[in-house]
């Protein structure tokens, strides 16, 4: 019987450590932002997502890429004029 009790205790311990603790939904924007930061988003990304939705994160990247593309185009035209 002792072996059985030990096996049950071990199984219960494994289930407790593997199973995530049930959390309630965030009720405020700050709680939502905190939850996003716990998932790995930066503070800036969390605030932007909470305010504008997940599209806000991809728009930031698209804007940065657009600016970079404009700079590349300007530099390319300068190099062509230099010849």
Protein backbone atom coordinates (compact mmCIF):
# COMPACT_ATOMS: atom_id res chain seq x y z
CA UNK A 1 0.00 0.00 0.00
CA UNK A 2 2.83 2.38 0.67
CA UNK A 3 4.01 2.11 -2.95
CA UNK A 4 0.52 2.92 -4.20
CA UNK A 5 0.25 6.01 -2.02
CA UNK A 6 3.64 7.20 -3.19
CA UNK A 7 2.64 6.72 -6.86
CA UNK A 8 -0.58 8.64 -6.33
CA UNK A 9 1.29 11.47 -4.61
CA UNK A 10 3.81 11.65 -7.46
CA UNK A 11 1.05 11.71 -10.09
CA UNK A 12 -0.79 14.45 -8.21
CA UNK A 13 2.43 16.45 -7.97
CA UNK A 14 3.08 16.11 -11.71
CA UNK A 15 -0.46 17.18 -12.58
CA UNK A 16 -0.20 20.18 -10.26
CA UNK A 17 3.06 21.38 -11.82
CA UNK A 18 2.05 20.77 -15.44
CA UNK A 19 -1.55 22.00 -15.35
CA UNK A 20 -1.75 25.80 -15.65
CA UNK A 21 -3.52 27.68 -12.92
CA UNK A 22 -6.88 28.97 -14.12
CA UNK A 23 -6.80 32.76 -14.28
CA UNK A 24 -9.66 35.14 -14.73
CA UNK A 25 -9.99 37.45 -17.70
CA UNK A 26 -8.40 40.86 -17.31
CA UNK A 27 -10.97 43.43 -16.22
CA UNK A 28 -8.92 46.57 -16.94
CA UNK A 29 -6.63 47.72 -19.71
CA UNK A 30 -3.69 47.67 -17.28
CA UNK A 31 -4.36 44.03 -16.41
CA UNK A 32 -4.58 43.24 -20.14
CA UNK A 33 -1.28 45.02 -20.81
CA UNK A 34 0.37 43.16 -17.91
CA UNK A 35 -0.89 39.84 -19.29
CA UNK A 36 0.54 40.70 -22.72
CA UNK A 37 3.92 41.54 -21.14
CA UNK A 38 3.87 38.17 -19.38
CA UNK A 39 3.41 36.60 -22.83
CA UNK A 40 6.58 38.30 -24.05
CA UNK A 41 5.38 41.56 -25.61
CA UNK A 42 7.28 44.73 -24.75
CA UNK A 43 5.67 47.49 -22.72
CA UNK A 44 5.24 49.58 -25.88
CA UNK A 45 3.75 46.69 -27.82
CA UNK A 46 1.42 45.80 -24.94
CA UNK A 47 0.08 49.35 -24.68
CA UNK A 48 -0.35 49.57 -28.45
CA UNK A 49 -2.18 46.24 -28.67
CA UNK A 50 -4.43 47.13 -25.74
CA UNK A 51 -5.34 50.43 -27.38
CA UNK A 52 -5.52 49.45 -31.07
CA UNK A 53 -5.67 45.64 -31.22
CA UNK A 54 -3.11 43.23 -32.63
CA UNK A 55 -3.01 45.06 -35.96
CA UNK A 56 -1.19 47.86 -34.14
CA UNK A 57 1.92 45.72 -33.73
CA UNK A 58 2.14 44.73 -37.37
CA UNK A 59 1.47 48.33 -38.49
CA UNK A 60 4.47 49.53 -36.53
CA UNK A 61 6.67 47.04 -38.37
CA UNK A 62 5.11 48.00 -41.72
CA UNK A 63 5.78 51.70 -41.04
CA UNK A 64 9.39 50.98 -40.15
CA UNK A 65 9.83 48.90 -43.30
CA UNK A 66 8.24 51.65 -45.39
CA UNK A 67 10.65 54.23 -43.97
CA UNK A 68 13.57 51.92 -44.61
CA UNK A 69 12.44 51.32 -48.19
CA UNK A 70 12.22 55.10 -48.76
CA UNK A 71 15.75 55.58 -47.42
CA UNK A 72 17.07 52.83 -49.69
CA UNK A 73 15.34 54.42 -52.70
CA UNK A 74 16.84 57.84 -51.85
CA UNK A 75 20.33 56.39 -51.47
CA UNK A 76 20.00 54.44 -54.71
CA UNK A 77 18.99 57.57 -56.63
CA UNK A 78 21.92 59.48 -55.11
CA UNK A 79 24.32 56.77 -56.24
CA UNK A 80 22.86 56.80 -59.79
CA UNK A 81 23.27 60.60 -59.96
CA UNK A 82 26.86 60.32 -58.71
CA UNK A 83 28.01 58.41 -61.84
